[in-house]
Amino acid sequence: MGRPDIARIKRDAEVAAAEADRDIAIKRAESQRAAAVAKAQADQERVAAETASLAKQAEAERDLDNQESQLSGDDQKGAGHRGQGL
């Protein structure tokens, strides 16, 4: 094996190492992008779930307020009828 062969082998090894580094960087960037997309999607789903939960809570509170209003209105009507009978 002569000097030209050794130089060619070294050059080929350096090119292969550089290509491997490039491939690793590409895979790392793809993984980071996929992780960022997954995190953003999870955040959107969390916000949607929180929004739905708050809406259900507000609806339940409104229903409770309506029931309380109806009950207090019924109590006032009942008290007025009782007072008239005396």
Protein backbone atom coordinates (compact mmCIF):
# COMPACT_ATOMS: atom_id res chain seq x y z
CA MET A 1 0.00 0.00 0.00
CA GLY A 2 1.50 3.28 -1.14
CA ARG A 3 1.17 6.82 0.09
CA PRO A 4 -1.59 7.66 -2.39
CA ASP A 5 -3.62 4.72 -1.12
CA ILE A 6 -3.14 5.76 2.50
CA ALA A 7 -4.15 9.35 1.66
CA ARG A 8 -7.25 8.12 -0.18
CA ILE A 9 -8.25 5.87 2.74
CA LYS A 10 -7.79 8.74 5.22
CA ARG A 11 -9.81 11.08 2.99
CA ASP A 12 -12.58 8.50 2.61
CA ALA A 13 -12.65 7.99 6.40
CA GLU A 14 -12.88 11.75 7.00
CA VAL A 15 -15.72 12.06 4.47
CA ALA A 16 -17.54 9.13 6.07
CA ALA A 17 -17.13 10.69 9.53
CA ALA A 18 -18.42 14.05 8.28
CA GLU A 19 -21.41 12.38 6.63
CA ALA A 20 -22.14 10.47 9.84
CA ASP A 21 -22.00 13.73 11.83
CA ARG A 22 -24.38 15.32 9.30
CA ASP A 23 -26.78 12.38 9.53
CA ILE A 24 -26.72 12.56 13.32
CA ALA A 25 -27.45 16.30 13.24
CA ILE A 26 -30.35 15.73 10.84
CA LYS A 27 -31.83 12.96 13.01
CA ARG A 28 -31.41 15.10 16.13
CA ALA A 29 -33.17 18.04 14.47
CA GLU A 30 -36.00 15.78 13.26
CA SER A 31 -36.42 14.36 16.77
CA GLN A 32 -36.47 17.82 18.34
CA ARG A 33 -39.04 18.97 15.79
CA ALA A 34 -41.24 15.94 16.44
CA ALA A 35 -40.98 16.54 20.20
CA ALA A 36 -41.93 20.20 19.76
CA VAL A 37 -44.94 19.27 17.60
CA ALA A 38 -46.07 16.66 20.14
CA LYS A 39 -45.70 19.14 23.00
CA ALA A 40 -47.67 21.79 21.12
CA GLN A 41 -50.43 19.29 20.36
CA ALA A 42 -50.54 18.16 23.99
CA ASP A 43 -50.74 21.79 25.12
CA GLN A 44 -53.63 22.43 22.71
CA GLU A 45 -55.47 19.34 23.97
CA ARG A 46 -54.90 20.43 27.58
CA VAL A 47 -56.27 23.91 26.86
CA ALA A 48 -59.29 22.42 25.09
CA ALA A 49 -59.96 20.11 28.05
CA GLU A 50 -59.61 22.97 30.53
CA THR A 51 -61.96 25.11 28.45
CA ALA A 52 -64.54 22.32 28.29
CA SER A 53 -64.21 21.77 32.04
CA LEU A 54 -64.69 25.46 32.79
CA ALA A 55 -67.73 25.56 30.51
CA LYS A 56 -69.28 22.56 32.28
CA GLN A 57 -68.52 24.13 35.66
CA ALA A 58 -70.12 27.43 34.61
CA GLU A 59 -73.16 25.55 33.30
CA ALA A 60 -73.51 23.63 36.56
CA GLU A 61 -73.22 26.84 38.59
CA ARG A 62 -75.84 28.52 36.38
CA ASP A 63 -78.18 25.56 36.82
CA LEU A 64 -77.66 25.65 40.57
CA ASP A 65 -78.38 29.39 40.66
CA ASN A 66 -81.56 28.82 38.63
CA GLN A 67 -82.71 26.09 40.99
CA GLU A 68 -81.99 28.25 44.01
CA SER A 69 -83.93 31.13 42.43
CA GLN A 70 -86.87 28.85 41.72
CA LEU A 71 -86.82 27.49 45.27
CA SER A 72 -86.65 30.93 46.85
CA GLY A 73 -89.43 32.10 44.52
CA ASP A 74 -91.57 29.11 45.51
CA ASP A 75 -90.92 29.85 49.19
CA GLN A 76 -92.04 33.45 48.76
CA LYS A 77 -95.17 32.40 46.89
CA GLY A 78 -96.00 29.84 49.54
CA ALA A 79 -95.50 32.29 52.35
CA GLY A 80 -97.81 34.80 50.66
CA HIS A 81 -100.60 32.25 50.29
CA ARG A 82 -100.33 31.17 53.91
CA GLY A 83 -100.57 34.72 55.15
CA GLN A 84 -103.76 35.37 53.17
CA GLY A 85 -105.61 32.46 54.71
CA LEU A 86 -105.51 33.90 58.24
